Amino acid sequence: MTDKPRKTSKTEPGLAEQVGVKAARKLKARRNPAPGVWSGLGLMGMIGWSVAVPTLLGAALGIWLDRRYPGGRSWTLALLMAGLMLGCLNAWHWVAREDAAMREKPEHDDE
């Protein structure tokens, strides 16, 4: 019994090609590291502050207005809600911008 050499099809990549593809993938991963845990926490903190700061500023301005001009309306509650809405719009803007930046990066960089 003689063993015949195995024929490889044109669609099946050879060993050298597979090794080349894996090496290129590793080099790309080293050049463009994935964002880590600290990057995600930093982004969450930035979004949190972008909501908290306008909310607190609105509440502080409302408290000042309520003490300065007492009346039937609560400036504190109104400006607290306005600050919260402004902060949420600000956070939405940050997330949309980060999402657009992630989508702009080419996924398959064959350089």
PDB file of N, CA and C in Angstrom:
ATOM      1  N   MET A   1       0.832  -1.177   0.000  1.00  0.00           N
ATOM      2  CA  MET A   1       0.000   0.000   0.000  1.00  0.00           C
ATOM      3  C   MET A   1       0.877   1.241   0.000  1.00  0.00           C
ATOM      4  N   THR A   2       0.619   2.086  -0.923  1.00  0.00           N
ATOM      5  CA  THR A   2       1.366   3.334  -0.984  1.00  0.00           C
ATOM      6  C   THR A   2       0.420   4.473  -0.667  1.00  0.00           C
ATOM      7  N   ASP A   3       0.926   5.406   0.097  1.00  0.00           N
ATOM      8  CA  ASP A   3       0.114   6.582   0.421  1.00  0.00           C
ATOM      9  C   ASP A   3       0.268   7.614  -0.673  1.00  0.00           C
ATOM     10  N   LYS A   4      -0.847   8.042  -1.196  1.00  0.00           N
ATOM     11  CA  LYS A   4      -0.823   9.077  -2.223  1.00  0.00           C
ATOM     12  C   LYS A   4      -0.784  10.445  -1.537  1.00  0.00           C
ATOM     13  N   PRO A   5      -0.067  11.380  -2.097  1.00  0.00           N
ATOM     14  CA  PRO A   5      -0.063  12.716  -1.492  1.00  0.00           C
ATOM     15  C   PRO A   5      -1.455  13.328  -1.567  1.00  0.00           C
ATOM     16  N   ARG A   6      -1.798  13.978  -0.513  1.00  0.00           N
ATOM     17  CA  ARG A   6      -3.129  14.588  -0.413  1.00  0.00           C
ATOM     18  C   ARG A   6      -3.174  15.847  -1.264  1.00  0.00           C
ATOM     19  N   LYS A   7      -4.194  15.960  -2.064  1.00  0.00           N
ATOM     20  CA  LYS A   7      -4.355  17.142  -2.897  1.00  0.00           C
ATOM     21  C   LYS A   7      -5.083  18.209  -2.091  1.00  0.00           C
ATOM     22  N   THR A   8      -4.599  19.440  -2.179  1.00  0.00           N
ATOM     23  CA  THR A   8      -5.281  20.535  -1.493  1.00  0.00           C
ATOM     24  C   THR A   8      -6.096  21.300  -2.509  1.00  0.00           C
ATOM     25  N   SER A   9      -7.247  21.711  -2.081  1.00  0.00           N
ATOM     26  CA  SER A   9      -8.107  22.458  -2.994  1.00  0.00           C
ATOM     27  C   SER A   9      -7.649  23.911  -3.048  1.00  0.00           C
ATOM     28  N   LYS A  10      -8.096  24.587  -4.067  1.00  0.00           N
ATOM     29  CA  LYS A  10      -7.701  25.984  -4.252  1.00  0.00           C
ATOM     30  C   LYS A  10      -8.312  26.880  -3.183  1.00  0.00           C
ATOM     31  N   THR A  11      -9.447  26.493  -2.602  1.00  0.00           N
ATOM     32  CA  THR A  11     -10.099  27.342  -1.603  1.00  0.00           C
ATOM     33  C   THR A  11      -9.514  27.129  -0.210  1.00  0.00           C
ATOM     34  N   GLU A  12      -8.839  26.034   0.018  1.00  0.00           N
ATOM     35  CA  GLU A  12      -8.275  25.754   1.330  1.00  0.00           C
ATOM     36  C   GLU A  12      -6.890  26.393   1.432  1.00  0.00           C
ATOM     37  N   PRO A  13      -6.710  27.323   2.390  1.00  0.00           N
ATOM     38  CA  PRO A  13      -5.397  27.968   2.484  1.00  0.00           C
ATOM     39  C   PRO A  13      -4.349  27.003   3.023  1.00  0.00           C
ATOM     40  N   GLY A  14      -3.133  27.184   2.548  1.00  0.00           N
ATOM     41  CA  GLY A  14      -2.042  26.347   3.004  1.00  0.00           C
ATOM     42  C   GLY A  14      -1.576  26.764   4.388  1.00  0.00           C
ATOM     43  N   LEU A  15      -0.678  25.982   4.947  1.00  0.00           N
ATOM     44  CA  LEU A  15      -0.180  26.242   6.289  1.00  0.00           C
ATOM     45  C   LEU A  15       0.531  27.589   6.362  1.00  0.00           C
ATOM     46  N   ALA A  16       1.321  27.900   5.353  1.00  0.00           N
ATOM     47  CA  ALA A  16       2.052  29.174   5.345  1.00  0.00           C
ATOM     48  C   ALA A  16       1.082  30.355   5.316  1.00  0.00           C
ATOM     49  N   GLU A  17       0.017  30.231   4.550  1.00  0.00           N
ATOM     50  CA  GLU A  17      -0.970  31.310   4.482  1.00  0.00           C
ATOM     51  C   GLU A  17      -1.693  31.478   5.807  1.00  0.00           C
ATOM     52  N   GLN A  18      -2.038  30.366   6.465  1.00  0.00           N
ATOM     53  CA  GLN A  18      -2.715  30.436   7.755  1.00  0.00           C
ATOM     54  C   GLN A  18      -1.819  31.097   8.803  1.00  0.00           C
ATOM     55  N   VAL A  19      -0.537  30.722   8.794  1.00  0.00           N
ATOM     56  CA  VAL A  19       0.403  31.316   9.744  1.00  0.00           C
ATOM     57  C   VAL A  19       0.556  32.811   9.464  1.00  0.00           C
ATOM     58  N   GLY A  20       0.607  33.181   8.196  1.00  0.00           N
ATOM     59  CA  GLY A  20       0.723  34.593   7.825  1.00  0.00           C
ATOM     60  C   GLY A  20      -0.472  35.405   8.276  1.00  0.00           C
ATOM     61  N   VAL A  21      -1.661  34.852   8.114  1.00  0.00           N
ATOM     62  CA  VAL A  21      -2.885  35.549   8.524  1.00  0.00           C
ATOM     63  C   VAL A  21      -2.894  35.741  10.040  1.00  0.00           C
ATOM     64  N   LYS A  22      -2.524  34.685  10.792  1.00  0.00           N
ATOM     65  CA  LYS A  22      -2.512  34.790  12.253  1.00  0.00           C
ATOM     66  C   LYS A  22      -1.461  35.775  12.731  1.00  0.00           C
ATOM     67  N   ALA A  23      -0.305  35.794  12.083  1.00  0.00           N
ATOM     68  CA  ALA A  23       0.756  36.739  12.461  1.00  0.00           C
ATOM     69  C   ALA A  23       0.313  38.172  12.190  1.00  0.00           C
ATOM     70  N   ALA A  24      -0.345  38.391  11.063  1.00  0.00           N
ATOM     71  CA  ALA A  24      -0.834  39.737  10.744  1.00  0.00           C
ATOM     72  C   ALA A  24      -1.876  40.182  11.758  1.00  0.00           C
ATOM     73  N   ARG A  25      -2.737  39.259  12.182  1.00  0.00           N
ATOM     74  CA  ARG A  25      -3.761  39.574  13.180  1.00  0.00           C
ATOM     75  C   ARG A  25      -3.129  39.948  14.517  1.00  0.00           C
ATOM     76  N   LYS A  26      -2.070  39.215  14.905  1.00  0.00           N
ATOM     77  CA  LYS A  26      -1.386  39.518  16.167  1.00  0.00           C
ATOM     78  C   LYS A  26      -0.695  40.875  16.103  1.00  0.00           C
ATOM     79  N   LEU A  27      -0.061  41.183  14.970  1.00  0.00           N
ATOM     80  CA  LEU A  27       0.597  42.484  14.827  1.00  0.00           C
ATOM     81  C   LEU A  27      -0.417  43.621  14.883  1.00  0.00           C
ATOM     82  N   LYS A  28      -1.567  43.427  14.252  1.00  0.00           N
ATOM     83  CA  LYS A  28      -2.608  44.447  14.287  1.00  0.00           C
ATOM     84  C   LYS A  28      -3.124  44.647  15.707  1.00  0.00           C
ATOM     85  N   ALA A  29      -3.278  43.557  16.461  1.00  0.00           N
ATOM     86  CA  ALA A  29      -3.746  43.659  17.847  1.00  0.00           C
ATOM     87  C   ALA A  29      -2.730  44.394  18.716  1.00  0.00           C
ATOM     88  N   ARG A  30      -1.456  44.212  18.441  1.00  0.00           N
ATOM     89  CA  ARG A  30      -0.432  44.930  19.205  1.00  0.00           C
ATOM     90  C   ARG A  30      -0.417  46.415  18.872  1.00  0.00           C
ATOM     91  N   ARG A  31      -0.644  46.741  17.590  1.00  0.00           N
ATOM     92  CA  ARG A  31      -0.662  48.154  17.180  1.00  0.00           C
ATOM     93  C   ARG A  31      -1.891  48.872  17.702  1.00  0.00           C
ATOM     94  N   ASN A  32      -3.024  48.209  17.692  1.00  0.00           N
ATOM     95  CA  ASN A  32      -4.298  48.815  18.096  1.00  0.00           C
ATOM     96  C   ASN A  32      -4.888  48.021  19.260  1.00  0.00           C
ATOM     97  N   PRO A  33      -4.404  48.249  20.480  1.00  0.00           N
ATOM     98  CA  PRO A  33      -4.929  47.468  21.593  1.00  0.00           C
ATOM     99  C   PRO A  33      -6.395  47.811  21.872  1.00  0.00           C
ATOM    100  N   ALA A  34      -7.125  46.820  22.325  1.00  0.00           N
ATOM    101  CA  ALA A  34      -8.531  47.025  22.669  1.00  0.00           C
ATOM    102  C   ALA A  34      -8.617  47.892  23.923  1.00  0.00           C
ATOM    103  N   PRO A  35      -9.632  48.744  24.000  1.00  0.00           N
ATOM    104  CA  PRO A  35      -9.776  49.561  25.200  1.00  0.00           C
ATOM    105  C   PRO A  35      -9.990  48.669  26.419  1.00  0.00           C
ATOM    106  N   GLY A  36      -9.332  49.024  27.499  1.00  0.00           N
ATOM    107  CA  GLY A  36      -9.391  48.207  28.700  1.00  0.00           C
ATOM    108  C   GLY A  36     -10.509  48.621  29.636  1.00  0.00           C
ATOM    109  N   VAL A  37     -10.467  48.029  30.804  1.00  0.00           N
ATOM    110  CA  VAL A  37     -11.479  48.293  31.834  1.00  0.00           C
ATOM    111  C   VAL A  37     -11.416  49.750  32.273  1.00  0.00           C
ATOM    112  N   TRP A  38     -10.192  50.274  32.436  1.00  0.00           N
ATOM    113  CA  TRP A  38     -10.048  51.654  32.904  1.00  0.00           C
ATOM    114  C   TRP A  38     -10.615  52.644  31.897  1.00  0.00           C
ATOM    115  N   SER A  39     -10.486  52.340  30.626  1.00  0.00           N
ATOM    116  CA  SER A  39     -11.051  53.212  29.601  1.00  0.00           C
ATOM    117  C   SER A  39     -12.576  53.249  29.707  1.00  0.00           C
ATOM    118  N   GLY A  40     -13.178  52.083  29.913  1.00  0.00           N
ATOM    119  CA  GLY A  40     -14.639  52.020  30.076  1.00  0.00           C
ATOM    120  C   GLY A  40     -15.109  52.732  31.322  1.00  0.00           C
ATOM    121  N   LEU A  41     -14.362  52.557  32.424  1.00  0.00           N
ATOM    122  CA  LEU A  41     -14.728  53.246  33.661  1.00  0.00           C
ATOM    123  C   LEU A  41     -14.569  54.754  33.516  1.00  0.00           C
ATOM    124  N   GLY A  42     -13.531  55.166  32.800  1.00  0.00           N
ATOM    125  CA  GLY A  42     -13.342  56.598  32.573  1.00  0.00           C
ATOM    126  C   GLY A  42     -14.474  57.191  31.765  1.00  0.00           C
ATOM    127  N   LEU A  43     -14.917  56.459  30.749  1.00  0.00           N
ATOM    128  CA  LEU A  43     -16.033  56.934  29.936  1.00  0.00           C
ATOM    129  C   LEU A  43     -17.314  57.008  30.759  1.00  0.00           C
ATOM    130  N   MET A  44     -17.550  55.999  31.603  1.00  0.00           N
ATOM    131  CA  MET A  44     -18.737  56.025  32.461  1.00  0.00           C
ATOM    132  C   MET A  44     -18.672  57.196  33.432  1.00  0.00           C
ATOM    133  N   GLY A  45     -17.485  57.461  33.981  1.00  0.00           N
ATOM    134  CA  GLY A  45     -17.336  58.594  34.886  1.00  0.00           C
ATOM    135  C   GLY A  45     -17.589  59.911  34.197  1.00  0.00           C
ATOM    136  N   MET A  46     -17.082  60.036  32.970  1.00  0.00           N
ATOM    137  CA  MET A  46     -17.280  61.270  32.220  1.00  0.00           C
ATOM    138  C   MET A  46     -18.769  61.481  31.914  1.00  0.00           C
ATOM    139  N   ILE A  47     -19.454  60.411  31.568  1.00  0.00           N
ATOM    140  CA  ILE A  47     -20.892  60.514  31.297  1.00  0.00           C
ATOM    141  C   ILE A  47     -21.643  60.851  32.581  1.00  0.00           C
ATOM    142  N   GLY A  48     -21.234  60.231  33.689  1.00  0.00           N
ATOM    143  CA  GLY A  48     -21.877  60.527  34.976  1.00  0.00           C
ATOM    144  C   GLY A  48     -21.714  61.983  35.372  1.00  0.00           C
ATOM    145  N   TRP A  49     -20.505  62.496  35.224  1.00  0.00           N
ATOM    146  CA  TRP A  49     -20.271  63.900  35.558  1.00  0.00           C
ATOM    147  C   TRP A  49     -21.011  64.829  34.607  1.00  0.00           C
ATOM    148  N   SER A  50     -21.136  64.437  33.346  1.00  0.00           N
ATOM    149  CA  SER A  50     -21.831  65.302  32.390  1.00  0.00           C
ATOM    150  C   SER A  50     -23.325  65.389  32.700  1.00  0.00           C
ATOM    151  N   VAL A  51     -23.858  64.432  33.456  1.00  0.00           N
ATOM    152  CA  VAL A  51     -25.246  64.505  33.901  1.00  0.00           C
ATOM    153  C   VAL A  51     -25.330  65.182  35.265  1.00  0.00           C
ATOM    154  N   ALA A  52     -24.415  64.852  36.165  1.00  0.00           N
ATOM    155  CA  ALA A  52     -24.484  65.345  37.546  1.00  0.00           C
ATOM    156  C   ALA A  52     -24.230  66.844  37.645  1.00  0.00           C
ATOM    157  N   VAL A  53     -23.248  67.345  36.914  1.00  0.00           N
ATOM    158  CA  VAL A  53     -22.883  68.766  37.051  1.00  0.00           C
ATOM    159  C   VAL A  53     -24.027  69.700  36.646  1.00  0.00           C
ATOM    160  N   PRO A  54     -24.643  69.538  35.462  1.00  0.00           N
ATOM    161  CA  PRO A  54     -25.764  70.433  35.136  1.00  0.00           C
ATOM    162  C   PRO A  54     -26.949  70.273  36.098  1.00  0.00           C
ATOM    163  N   THR A  55     -27.173  69.066  36.584  1.00  0.00           N
ATOM    164  CA  THR A  55     -28.271  68.853  37.528  1.00  0.00           C
ATOM    165  C   THR A  55     -28.016  69.608  38.825  1.00  0.00           C
ATOM    166  N   LEU A  56     -26.801  69.484  39.351  1.00  0.00           N
ATOM    167  CA  LEU A  56     -26.478  70.178  40.601  1.00  0.00           C
ATOM    168  C   LEU A  56     -26.437  71.687  40.419  1.00  0.00           C
ATOM    169  N   LEU A  57     -25.933  72.149  39.282  1.00  0.00           N
ATOM    170  CA  LEU A  57     -25.938  73.595  39.024  1.00  0.00           C
ATOM    171  C   LEU A  57     -27.360  74.138  38.925  1.00  0.00           C
ATOM    172  N   GLY A  58     -28.236  73.387  38.279  1.00  0.00           N
ATOM    173  CA  GLY A  58     -29.636  73.800  38.197  1.00  0.00           C
ATOM    174  C   GLY A  58     -30.297  73.847  39.571  1.00  0.00           C
ATOM    175  N   ALA A  59     -30.019  72.841  40.400  1.00  0.00           N
ATOM    176  CA  ALA A  59     -30.586  72.829  41.747  1.00  0.00           C
ATOM    177  C   ALA A  59     -30.041  73.984  42.579  1.00  0.00           C
ATOM    178  N   ALA A  60     -28.741  74.256  42.475  1.00  0.00           N
ATOM    179  CA  ALA A  60     -28.147  75.356  43.246  1.00  0.00           C
ATOM    180  C   ALA A  60     -28.731  76.701  42.816  1.00  0.00           C
ATOM    181  N   LEU A  61     -28.873  76.907  41.516  1.00  0.00           N
ATOM    182  CA  LEU A  61     -29.463  78.151  41.027  1.00  0.00           C
ATOM    183  C   LEU A  61     -30.922  78.255  41.477  1.00  0.00           C
ATOM    184  N   GLY A  62     -31.638  77.133  41.457  1.00  0.00           N
ATOM    185  CA  GLY A  62     -33.029  77.135  41.905  1.00  0.00           C
ATOM    186  C   GLY A  62     -33.154  77.461  43.385  1.00  0.00           C
ATOM    187  N   ILE A  63     -32.274  76.926  44.216  1.00  0.00           N
ATOM    188  CA  ILE A  63     -32.290  77.232  45.653  1.00  0.00           C
ATOM    189  C   ILE A  63     -32.015  78.718  45.864  1.00  0.00           C
ATOM    190  N   TRP A  64     -31.044  79.244  45.132  1.00  0.00           N
ATOM    191  CA  TRP A  64     -30.721  80.667  45.260  1.00  0.00           C
ATOM    192  C   TRP A  64     -31.914  81.538  44.854  1.00  0.00           C
ATOM    193  N   LEU A  65     -32.565  81.171  43.730  1.00  0.00           N
ATOM    194  CA  LEU A  65     -33.734  81.940  43.279  1.00  0.00           C
ATOM    195  C   LEU A  65     -34.899  81.820  44.255  1.00  0.00           C
ATOM    196  N   ASP A  66     -35.121  80.645  44.840  1.00  0.00           N
ATOM    197  CA  ASP A  66     -36.210  80.470  45.807  1.00  0.00           C
ATOM    198  C   ASP A  66     -35.977  81.314  47.059  1.00  0.00           C
ATOM    199  N   ARG A  67     -34.732  81.420  47.492  1.00  0.00           N
ATOM    200  CA  ARG A  67     -34.437  82.243  48.676  1.00  0.00           C
ATOM    201  C   ARG A  67     -34.527  83.732  48.341  1.00  0.00           C
ATOM    202  N   ARG A  68     -34.093  84.080  47.147  1.00  0.00           N
ATOM    203  CA  ARG A  68     -34.056  85.490  46.741  1.00  0.00           C
ATOM    204  C   ARG A  68     -35.452  86.002  46.402  1.00  0.00           C
ATOM    205  N   TYR A  69     -36.225  85.187  45.669  1.00  0.00           N
ATOM    206  CA  TYR A  69     -37.564  85.588  45.229  1.00  0.00           C
ATOM    207  C   TYR A  69     -38.583  84.516  45.631  1.00  0.00           C
ATOM    208  N   PRO A  70     -39.002  84.501  46.879  1.00  0.00           N
ATOM    209  CA  PRO A  70     -39.965  83.471  47.303  1.00  0.00           C
ATOM    210  C   PRO A  70     -41.313  83.697  46.594  1.00  0.00           C
ATOM    211  N   GLY A  71     -41.971  82.601  46.283  1.00  0.00           N
ATOM    212  CA  GLY A  71     -43.255  82.704  45.589  1.00  0.00           C
ATOM    213  C   GLY A  71     -43.947  81.353  45.587  1.00  0.00           C
ATOM    214  N   GLY A  72     -44.945  81.241  44.767  1.00  0.00           N
ATOM    215  CA  GLY A  72     -45.731  80.024  44.700  1.00  0.00           C
ATOM    216  C   GLY A  72     -45.066  78.916  43.887  1.00  0.00           C
ATOM    217  N   ARG A  73     -44.098  79.286  43.064  1.00  0.00           N
ATOM    218  CA  ARG A  73     -43.432  78.287  42.228  1.00  0.00           C
ATOM    219  C   ARG A  73     -42.102  77.880  42.847  1.00  0.00           C
ATOM    220  N   SER A  74     -41.725  76.646  42.608  1.00  0.00           N
ATOM    221  CA  SER A  74     -40.450  76.136  43.100  1.00  0.00           C
ATOM    222  C   SER A  74     -39.423  76.194  41.972  1.00  0.00           C
ATOM    223  N   TRP A  75     -38.537  77.188  42.063  1.00  0.00           N
ATOM    224  CA  TRP A  75     -37.468  77.291  41.085  1.00  0.00           C
ATOM    225  C   TRP A  75     -36.503  76.118  41.213  1.00  0.00           C
ATOM    226  N   THR A  76     -36.353  75.630  42.423  1.00  0.00           N
ATOM    227  CA  THR A  76     -35.427  74.520  42.650  1.00  0.00           C
ATOM    228  C   THR A  76     -35.834  73.303  41.835  1.00  0.00           C
ATOM    229  N   LEU A  77     -37.101  72.933  41.934  1.00  0.00           N
ATOM    230  CA  LEU A  77     -37.585  71.762  41.214  1.00  0.00           C
ATOM    231  C   LEU A  77     -37.527  71.968  39.700  1.00  0.00           C
ATOM    232  N   ALA A  78     -37.915  73.150  39.240  1.00  0.00           N
ATOM    233  CA  ALA A  78     -37.925  73.421  37.800  1.00  0.00           C
ATOM    234  C   ALA A  78     -36.504  73.396  37.225  1.00  0.00           C
ATOM    235  N   LEU A  79     -35.572  74.058  37.902  1.00  0.00           N
ATOM    236  CA  LEU A  79     -34.207  74.104  37.381  1.00  0.00           C
ATOM    237  C   LEU A  79     -33.466  72.792  37.604  1.00  0.00           C
ATOM    238  N   LEU A  80     -33.859  72.038  38.614  1.00  0.00           N
ATOM    239  CA  LEU A  80     -33.298  70.700  38.796  1.00  0.00           C
ATOM    240  C   LEU A  80     -33.666  69.820  37.604  1.00  0.00           C
ATOM    241  N   MET A  81     -34.927  69.860  37.201  1.00  0.00           N
ATOM    242  CA  MET A  81     -35.375  69.073  36.049  1.00  0.00           C
ATOM    243  C   MET A  81     -34.733  69.569  34.749  1.00  0.00           C
ATOM    244  N   ALA A  82     -34.607  70.890  34.604  1.00  0.00           N
ATOM    245  CA  ALA A  82     -33.963  71.433  33.399  1.00  0.00           C
ATOM    246  C   ALA A  82     -32.497  71.002  33.342  1.00  0.00           C
ATOM    247  N   GLY A  83     -31.807  71.039  34.476  1.00  0.00           N
ATOM    248  CA  GLY A  83     -30.414  70.603  34.522  1.00  0.00           C
ATOM    249  C   GLY A  83     -30.275  69.125  34.219  1.00  0.00           C
ATOM    250  N   LEU A  84     -31.211  68.330  34.722  1.00  0.00           N
ATOM    251  CA  LEU A  84     -31.192  66.894  34.449  1.00  0.00           C
ATOM    252  C   LEU A  84     -31.407  66.621  32.968  1.00  0.00           C
ATOM    253  N   MET A  85     -32.344  67.315  32.358  1.00  0.00           N
ATOM    254  CA  MET A  85     -32.585  67.127  30.925  1.00  0.00           C
ATOM    255  C   MET A  85     -31.369  67.561  30.106  1.00  0.00           C
ATOM    256  N   LEU A  86     -30.764  68.689  30.476  1.00  0.00           N
ATOM    257  CA  LEU A  86     -29.574  69.158  29.783  1.00  0.00           C
ATOM    258  C   LEU A  86     -28.426  68.162  29.946  1.00  0.00           C
ATOM    259  N   GLY A  87     -28.271  67.604  31.146  1.00  0.00           N
ATOM    260  CA  GLY A  87     -27.225  66.611  31.392  1.00  0.00           C
ATOM    261  C   GLY A  87     -27.443  65.343  30.593  1.00  0.00           C
ATOM    262  N   CYS A  88     -28.683  64.906  30.486  1.00  0.00           N
ATOM    263  CA  CYS A  88     -28.974  63.692  29.698  1.00  0.00           C
ATOM    264  C   CYS A  88     -28.700  63.930  28.215  1.00  0.00           C
ATOM    265  N   LEU A  89     -29.034  65.109  27.716  1.00  0.00           N
ATOM    266  CA  LEU A  89     -28.710  65.427  26.322  1.00  0.00           C
ATOM    267  C   LEU A  89     -27.196  65.464  26.116  1.00  0.00           C
ATOM    268  N   ASN A  90     -26.495  66.002  27.093  1.00  0.00           N
ATOM    269  CA  ASN A  90     -25.041  66.052  27.028  1.00  0.00           C
ATOM    270  C   ASN A  90     -24.451  64.637  27.010  1.00  0.00           C
ATOM    271  N   ALA A  91     -24.957  63.761  27.869  1.00  0.00           N
ATOM    272  CA  ALA A  91     -24.480  62.373  27.912  1.00  0.00           C
ATOM    273  C   ALA A  91     -24.794  61.653  26.604  1.00  0.00           C
ATOM    274  N   TRP A  92     -25.963  61.893  26.058  1.00  0.00           N
ATOM    275  CA  TRP A  92     -26.332  61.282  24.778  1.00  0.00           C
ATOM    276  C   TRP A  92     -25.375  61.731  23.683  1.00  0.00           C
ATOM    277  N   HIS A  93     -25.006  63.003  23.717  1.00  0.00           N
ATOM    278  CA  HIS A  93     -24.049  63.531  22.745  1.00  0.00           C
ATOM    279  C   HIS A  93     -22.703  62.823  22.873  1.00  0.00           C
ATOM    280  N   TRP A  94     -22.200  62.641  24.114  1.00  0.00           N
ATOM    281  CA  TRP A  94     -20.921  61.958  24.334  1.00  0.00           C
ATOM    282  C   TRP A  94     -20.959  60.527  23.811  1.00  0.00           C
ATOM    283  N   VAL A  95     -22.037  59.820  24.126  1.00  0.00           N
ATOM    284  CA  VAL A  95     -22.146  58.414  23.701  1.00  0.00           C
ATOM    285  C   VAL A  95     -22.236  58.325  22.176  1.00  0.00           C
ATOM    286  N   ALA A  96     -23.008  59.204  21.558  1.00  0.00           N
ATOM    287  CA  ALA A  96     -23.123  59.189  20.096  1.00  0.00           C
ATOM    288  C   ALA A  96     -21.776  59.488  19.445  1.00  0.00           C
ATOM    289  N   ARG A  97     -21.015  60.404  20.019  1.00  0.00           N
ATOM    290  CA  ARG A  97     -19.709  60.746  19.458  1.00  0.00           C
ATOM    291  C   ARG A  97     -18.724  59.587  19.608  1.00  0.00           C
ATOM    292  N   GLU A  98     -18.721  58.923  20.765  1.00  0.00           N
ATOM    293  CA  GLU A  98     -17.844  57.765  20.961  1.00  0.00           C
ATOM    294  C   GLU A  98     -18.234  56.617  20.040  1.00  0.00           C
ATOM    295  N   ASP A  99     -19.536  56.419  19.843  1.00  0.00           N
ATOM    296  CA  ASP A  99     -20.003  55.363  18.944  1.00  0.00           C
ATOM    297  C   ASP A  99     -19.564  55.652  17.513  1.00  0.00           C
ATOM    298  N   ALA A 100     -19.673  56.910  17.099  1.00  0.00           N
ATOM    299  CA  ALA A 100     -19.248  57.272  15.743  1.00  0.00           C
ATOM    300  C   ALA A 100     -17.742  57.085  15.582  1.00  0.00           C
ATOM    301  N   ALA A 101     -16.982  57.404  16.626  1.00  0.00           N
ATOM    302  CA  ALA A 101     -15.533  57.231  16.555  1.00  0.00           C
ATOM    303  C   ALA A 101     -15.167  55.748  16.452  1.00  0.00           C
ATOM    304  N   MET A 102     -15.884  54.894  17.159  1.00  0.00           N
ATOM    305  CA  MET A 102     -15.607  53.452  17.078  1.00  0.00           C
ATOM    306  C   MET A 102     -15.974  52.900  15.711  1.00  0.00           C
ATOM    307  N   ARG A 103     -17.042  53.396  15.128  1.00  0.00           N
ATOM    308  CA  ARG A 103     -17.468  52.906  13.811  1.00  0.00           C
ATOM    309  C   ARG A 103     -16.559  53.393  12.689  1.00  0.00           C
ATOM    310  N   GLU A 104     -15.890  54.532  12.886  1.00  0.00           N
ATOM    311  CA  GLU A 104     -14.997  55.059  11.857  1.00  0.00           C
ATOM    312  C   GLU A 104     -13.728  54.243  11.724  1.00  0.00           C
ATOM    313  N   LYS A 105     -13.291  53.583  12.797  1.00  0.00           N
ATOM    314  CA  LYS A 105     -12.064  52.795  12.741  1.00  0.00           C
ATOM    315  C   LYS A 105     -12.283  51.611  11.802  1.00  0.00           C
ATOM    316  N   PRO A 106     -11.376  51.394  10.863  1.00  0.00           N
ATOM    317  CA  PRO A 106     -11.526  50.236   9.980  1.00  0.00           C
ATOM    318  C   PRO A 106     -11.290  48.944  10.753  1.00  0.00           C
ATOM    319  N   GLU A 107     -12.152  47.981  10.531  1.00  0.00           N
ATOM    320  CA  GLU A 107     -12.049  46.725  11.258  1.00  0.00           C
ATOM    321  C   GLU A 107     -10.929  45.841  10.730  1.00  0.00           C
ATOM    322  N   HIS A 108     -10.725  45.840   9.417  1.00  0.00           N
ATOM    323  CA  HIS A 108      -9.714  44.993   8.811  1.00  0.00           C
ATOM    324  C   HIS A 108      -8.649  45.885   8.189  1.00  0.00           C
ATOM    325  N   ASP A 109      -7.629  46.166   8.949  1.00  0.00           N
ATOM    326  CA  ASP A 109      -6.536  47.021   8.475  1.00  0.00           C
ATOM    327  C   ASP A 109      -5.424  46.125   7.976  1.00  0.00           C
ATOM    328  N   ASP A 110      -5.292  45.971   6.673  1.00  0.00           N
ATOM    329  CA  ASP A 110      -4.322  45.046   6.088  1.00  0.00           C
ATOM    330  C   ASP A 110      -3.040  45.758   5.675  1.00  0.00           C
ATOM    331  N   GLU A 111      -2.464  46.517   6.561  1.00  0.00           N
ATOM    332  CA  GLU A 111      -1.214  47.194   6.234  1.00  0.00           C
ATOM    333  C   GLU A 111      -0.047  46.404   6.699  1.00  0.00           C
TER     334      GLU A 111
END
